[in-house]
N, C-alpha and C. Protein backbone atom coordinates (compact mmCIF):
# COMPACT_ATOMS: atom_id res chain seq x y z
N MET A 1 0.78 -1.20 0.01
CA MET A 1 -0.04 0.08 0.03
C MET A 1 0.90 1.27 -0.05
N THR A 2 0.57 2.23 -0.83
CA THR A 2 1.34 3.48 -1.06
C THR A 2 0.72 4.44 0.03
N ILE A 3 1.54 5.01 0.91
CA ILE A 3 1.10 6.11 1.81
C ILE A 3 0.73 7.26 0.98
N PRO A 4 -0.45 7.84 1.19
CA PRO A 4 -0.73 9.06 0.38
C PRO A 4 0.11 10.28 0.89
N LEU A 5 0.35 11.15 -0.02
CA LEU A 5 1.04 12.48 0.34
C LEU A 5 0.11 13.32 1.13
N HIS A 6 -1.15 13.26 0.86
CA HIS A 6 -2.10 14.09 1.63
C HIS A 6 -3.35 13.19 1.87
N HIS A 7 -3.68 12.80 3.18
CA HIS A 7 -4.86 12.23 3.39
C HIS A 7 -5.70 13.15 4.16
N LEU A 8 -6.84 13.55 3.48
CA LEU A 8 -7.73 14.63 3.88
C LEU A 8 -8.89 14.07 4.67
N PHE A 9 -9.10 14.50 5.80
CA PHE A 9 -10.25 14.13 6.71
C PHE A 9 -11.19 15.29 6.75
N VAL A 10 -12.41 15.06 6.20
CA VAL A 10 -13.41 16.13 6.10
C VAL A 10 -14.50 15.88 7.30
N CYS A 11 -14.59 16.81 8.05
CA CYS A 11 -15.64 16.74 9.11
C CYS A 11 -17.01 16.81 8.53
N ALA A 12 -17.74 15.76 8.95
CA ALA A 12 -19.26 15.83 8.53
C ALA A 12 -20.15 15.77 9.68
N SER A 13 -19.55 15.91 10.98
CA SER A 13 -20.34 16.12 12.09
C SER A 13 -21.10 14.68 12.52
N PHE A 14 -20.68 13.57 11.91
CA PHE A 14 -21.31 12.32 12.43
C PHE A 14 -20.99 12.05 13.91
N ARG A 15 -22.25 11.50 14.54
CA ARG A 15 -22.18 11.15 15.83
C ARG A 15 -22.12 9.70 16.02
N ALA A 16 -21.78 9.25 17.21
CA ALA A 16 -21.60 7.81 17.59
C ALA A 16 -22.72 6.96 16.95
N ASN A 17 -23.94 7.46 17.02
CA ASN A 17 -25.04 6.73 16.49
C ASN A 17 -25.31 6.77 14.97
N GLY A 18 -24.28 7.50 14.31
CA GLY A 18 -24.29 7.37 12.83
C GLY A 18 -25.07 8.67 12.29
N GLU A 19 -25.68 9.42 13.14
CA GLU A 19 -26.48 10.65 12.65
C GLU A 19 -25.53 11.80 12.37
N ALA A 20 -25.76 12.47 11.38
CA ALA A 20 -24.97 13.74 10.97
C ALA A 20 -25.66 14.90 11.61
N GLN A 21 -25.00 15.57 12.52
CA GLN A 21 -25.54 16.72 13.20
C GLN A 21 -24.45 17.75 13.21
N GLY A 22 -24.67 18.92 13.80
CA GLY A 22 -23.58 19.94 14.01
C GLY A 22 -23.29 20.92 12.86
N VAL A 23 -22.42 21.77 13.14
CA VAL A 23 -22.10 22.79 12.21
C VAL A 23 -21.70 22.44 10.77
N CYS A 24 -20.81 21.44 10.79
CA CYS A 24 -20.15 21.10 9.58
C CYS A 24 -21.29 20.28 8.65
N HIS A 25 -22.06 19.58 9.34
CA HIS A 25 -23.32 19.04 8.53
C HIS A 25 -24.22 20.15 8.11
N LYS A 26 -24.44 20.99 8.96
CA LYS A 26 -25.50 22.09 8.62
C LYS A 26 -24.91 22.92 7.52
N LYS A 27 -23.55 23.04 7.43
CA LYS A 27 -22.92 23.93 6.40
C LYS A 27 -22.63 22.98 5.12
N ASP A 28 -23.32 21.94 4.98
CA ASP A 28 -23.33 21.03 3.79
C ASP A 28 -22.05 20.49 3.58
N ALA A 29 -21.29 19.91 4.48
CA ALA A 29 -19.93 19.25 4.33
C ALA A 29 -20.07 18.15 3.37
N ILE A 30 -21.23 17.43 3.26
CA ILE A 30 -21.14 16.30 2.33
C ILE A 30 -21.01 16.78 0.92
N SER A 31 -21.78 17.84 0.64
CA SER A 31 -21.67 18.44 -0.79
C SER A 31 -20.22 18.77 -1.04
N LEU A 32 -19.57 19.42 0.04
CA LEU A 32 -18.14 19.82 -0.30
C LEU A 32 -17.28 18.68 -0.32
N LEU A 33 -17.53 17.52 0.24
CA LEU A 33 -16.83 16.34 0.08
C LEU A 33 -16.88 15.91 -1.32
N SER A 34 -18.04 15.93 -1.87
CA SER A 34 -18.28 15.49 -3.21
C SER A 34 -17.51 16.50 -4.17
N TYR A 35 -17.66 17.78 -3.90
CA TYR A 35 -16.80 18.66 -4.72
C TYR A 35 -15.38 18.40 -4.69
N LEU A 36 -14.80 18.18 -3.45
CA LEU A 36 -13.41 17.86 -3.33
C LEU A 36 -12.99 16.68 -4.07
N GLN A 37 -13.80 15.57 -3.99
CA GLN A 37 -13.45 14.35 -4.74
C GLN A 37 -13.35 14.57 -6.18
N ASN A 38 -14.37 15.32 -6.69
CA ASN A 38 -14.46 15.58 -8.17
C ASN A 38 -13.39 16.37 -8.67
N GLU A 39 -12.95 17.38 -7.80
CA GLU A 39 -11.79 18.18 -8.16
C GLU A 39 -10.54 17.57 -8.15
N ILE A 40 -10.31 16.65 -7.31
CA ILE A 40 -9.19 15.79 -7.26
C ILE A 40 -9.05 14.94 -8.55
N GLN A 41 -10.24 14.39 -9.00
CA GLN A 41 -10.27 13.61 -10.19
C GLN A 41 -10.10 14.48 -11.42
N ASP A 42 -10.81 15.65 -11.47
CA ASP A 42 -10.73 16.48 -12.63
C ASP A 42 -9.24 16.97 -12.81
N ARG A 43 -8.55 17.24 -11.77
CA ARG A 43 -7.09 17.69 -11.82
C ARG A 43 -6.18 16.61 -12.01
N MET A 44 -6.65 15.33 -11.92
CA MET A 44 -5.79 14.12 -11.98
C MET A 44 -4.69 14.19 -10.95
N LEU A 45 -5.08 14.56 -9.77
CA LEU A 45 -4.03 14.61 -8.70
C LEU A 45 -3.95 13.13 -8.12
N GLU A 46 -2.67 12.87 -7.90
CA GLU A 46 -2.37 11.50 -7.34
C GLU A 46 -1.71 11.81 -5.88
N GLY A 47 -1.93 10.72 -5.04
CA GLY A 47 -1.36 10.85 -3.73
C GLY A 47 -2.28 11.51 -2.82
N ILE A 48 -3.52 11.66 -3.07
CA ILE A 48 -4.43 12.35 -2.19
C ILE A 48 -5.58 11.34 -1.96
N GLU A 49 -5.87 11.11 -0.66
CA GLU A 49 -6.97 10.21 -0.32
C GLU A 49 -7.98 11.21 0.59
N VAL A 50 -9.21 10.86 0.37
CA VAL A 50 -10.26 11.65 1.26
C VAL A 50 -11.15 10.67 2.02
N CYS A 51 -11.45 11.14 3.25
CA CYS A 51 -12.56 10.25 4.00
C CYS A 51 -13.29 11.36 4.90
N VAL A 52 -14.48 10.96 5.07
CA VAL A 52 -15.38 11.69 6.01
C VAL A 52 -15.19 11.31 7.36
N THR A 53 -15.37 12.22 8.31
CA THR A 53 -15.22 11.89 9.79
C THR A 53 -16.35 12.29 10.66
N GLY A 54 -16.43 11.85 11.85
CA GLY A 54 -17.27 12.34 12.83
C GLY A 54 -16.88 13.65 13.29
N CYS A 55 -17.54 14.24 14.17
CA CYS A 55 -17.31 15.63 14.70
C CYS A 55 -15.88 15.77 15.20
N MET A 56 -15.18 16.78 14.73
CA MET A 56 -13.74 17.14 15.15
C MET A 56 -13.63 18.10 16.19
N ASN A 57 -14.86 18.53 16.76
CA ASN A 57 -14.93 19.60 17.75
C ASN A 57 -14.19 20.83 17.31
N GLN A 58 -14.43 21.26 16.14
CA GLN A 58 -13.91 22.58 15.61
C GLN A 58 -15.02 23.44 15.01
N CYS A 59 -16.26 23.28 15.70
CA CYS A 59 -17.46 23.71 15.16
C CYS A 59 -17.44 25.28 14.83
N VAL A 60 -16.82 25.99 15.50
CA VAL A 60 -16.74 27.40 15.23
C VAL A 60 -16.06 27.70 13.99
N LYS A 61 -15.25 26.85 13.50
CA LYS A 61 -14.45 27.05 12.38
C LYS A 61 -14.91 26.24 11.23
N GLY A 62 -15.86 25.51 11.36
CA GLY A 62 -16.32 24.47 10.48
C GLY A 62 -17.09 25.03 9.11
N PRO A 63 -17.06 24.26 8.18
CA PRO A 63 -16.44 22.98 8.07
C PRO A 63 -15.00 22.94 8.02
N VAL A 64 -14.43 21.86 8.44
CA VAL A 64 -13.04 21.81 8.58
C VAL A 64 -12.43 20.55 7.85
N ILE A 65 -11.12 20.66 7.32
CA ILE A 65 -10.53 19.55 6.71
C ILE A 65 -9.16 19.41 7.45
N VAL A 66 -8.79 18.23 7.85
CA VAL A 66 -7.36 17.96 8.42
C VAL A 66 -6.56 17.21 7.37
N ASP A 67 -5.36 17.82 7.06
CA ASP A 67 -4.49 17.16 6.15
C ASP A 67 -3.49 16.35 6.91
N TYR A 68 -3.41 15.10 6.68
CA TYR A 68 -2.45 14.22 7.38
C TYR A 68 -1.48 13.66 6.24
N PRO A 69 -0.20 13.68 6.54
CA PRO A 69 0.51 13.80 7.84
C PRO A 69 0.96 15.19 8.20
N SER A 70 0.69 16.18 7.34
CA SER A 70 1.21 17.57 7.72
C SER A 70 0.55 17.99 9.13
N GLY A 71 -0.69 17.58 9.34
CA GLY A 71 -1.29 18.13 10.51
C GLY A 71 -1.98 19.50 10.33
N ASN A 72 -1.93 19.95 9.04
CA ASN A 72 -2.59 21.36 8.77
C ASN A 72 -4.11 21.07 8.84
N THR A 73 -4.81 22.09 9.58
CA THR A 73 -6.18 22.01 9.71
C THR A 73 -6.68 23.19 9.07
N TYR A 74 -7.57 23.07 8.09
CA TYR A 74 -8.18 24.19 7.17
C TYR A 74 -9.62 24.31 7.70
N GLY A 75 -10.04 25.57 7.86
CA GLY A 75 -11.31 25.86 8.32
C GLY A 75 -12.14 26.78 7.46
N ARG A 76 -13.45 26.92 7.75
CA ARG A 76 -14.39 27.69 6.98
C ARG A 76 -14.35 27.29 5.51
N ILE A 77 -14.45 25.96 5.42
CA ILE A 77 -14.30 25.38 4.01
C ILE A 77 -15.48 25.59 3.19
N ASN A 78 -15.22 26.12 1.96
CA ASN A 78 -16.23 26.08 0.95
C ASN A 78 -15.53 25.75 -0.37
N GLU A 79 -16.21 25.89 -1.58
CA GLU A 79 -15.64 25.35 -2.76
C GLU A 79 -14.42 26.33 -3.10
N GLU A 80 -14.37 27.55 -2.83
CA GLU A 80 -13.13 28.49 -3.02
C GLU A 80 -12.00 28.03 -2.25
N ALA A 81 -12.26 27.57 -0.96
CA ALA A 81 -11.24 27.17 -0.11
C ALA A 81 -10.57 25.77 -0.65
N ILE A 82 -11.53 24.91 -1.09
CA ILE A 82 -11.02 23.68 -1.65
C ILE A 82 -10.13 23.87 -2.83
N ASP A 83 -10.51 24.87 -3.67
CA ASP A 83 -9.68 25.13 -4.84
C ASP A 83 -8.31 25.74 -4.46
N ALA A 84 -8.47 26.57 -3.46
CA ALA A 84 -7.09 27.08 -2.94
C ALA A 84 -6.15 26.06 -2.41
N ILE A 85 -6.74 25.20 -1.59
CA ILE A 85 -6.06 24.03 -0.93
C ILE A 85 -5.38 23.10 -1.96
N LEU A 86 -6.21 22.77 -3.08
CA LEU A 86 -5.63 21.90 -4.08
C LEU A 86 -4.68 22.64 -4.92
N ASP A 87 -4.85 23.99 -5.15
CA ASP A 87 -3.96 24.67 -5.91
C ASP A 87 -2.47 24.75 -5.11
N ALA A 88 -2.69 24.91 -3.83
CA ALA A 88 -1.44 24.89 -2.93
C ALA A 88 -0.81 23.59 -3.10
N PHE A 89 -1.45 22.40 -3.02
CA PHE A 89 -0.85 20.99 -3.02
C PHE A 89 -0.09 20.96 -4.48
N GLU A 90 -0.78 21.40 -5.56
CA GLU A 90 -0.09 21.35 -6.84
C GLU A 90 1.23 22.17 -6.88
N ASN A 91 1.24 23.33 -6.13
CA ASN A 91 2.40 24.27 -6.14
C ASN A 91 3.42 23.86 -5.02
N GLY A 92 3.03 22.85 -4.24
CA GLY A 92 4.05 22.56 -3.09
C GLY A 92 3.92 23.50 -2.02
N THR A 93 2.87 24.36 -1.81
CA THR A 93 2.72 25.22 -0.78
C THR A 93 1.55 24.89 0.08
N ILE A 94 1.26 25.90 0.96
CA ILE A 94 0.07 25.59 1.95
C ILE A 94 -0.99 26.86 1.63
N ALA A 95 -2.13 26.49 1.79
CA ALA A 95 -3.27 27.41 1.62
C ALA A 95 -3.42 28.18 2.93
N GLU A 96 -2.51 29.15 3.26
CA GLU A 96 -2.42 29.65 4.63
C GLU A 96 -3.63 30.55 4.99
N GLU A 97 -4.30 31.11 4.04
CA GLU A 97 -5.48 31.96 4.36
C GLU A 97 -6.69 30.98 4.94
N TYR A 98 -6.53 29.72 4.88
CA TYR A 98 -7.70 28.95 5.35
C TYR A 98 -7.12 28.07 6.48
N LEU A 99 -5.95 28.27 6.98
CA LEU A 99 -5.38 27.46 8.14
C LEU A 99 -6.05 27.85 9.39
N VAL A 100 -6.26 26.85 10.27
CA VAL A 100 -6.85 27.12 11.54
C VAL A 100 -5.64 27.18 12.57
N SER A 101 -5.64 28.27 13.27
CA SER A 101 -4.51 28.29 14.18
C SER A 101 -4.87 27.85 15.63
C-alpha cells in the first residue's frame, strides 16, 4: 500500500449513533466532500486520499479539513477554499488563508 502524500479528513459531524448533526453538517460538508473528490479527479491529482469523519470539535471554524500527515487544519471550508487548498498542493505550498491556528 502506498502512503498518500495528503490524506484529507473532512468533518461531516457524524455522531456515534451514525447521525450527522452539528455545524459542519449544517454547512453542507457532504456536498463539499463531493466537490473535493470531483476536483481531485478532474485535476488528475495523485497521492491524495479523502475520507469523511465524525465531529472534530472545531465547530466554530467549520466545516474543517485536516491534512495528514502535515497536521494542517483548514477551516471555514467552501468550494473556493477547496480550490485554494488543491492549488497549494499542486504548487507545493500551503493555503495559509484557510489555516486554523
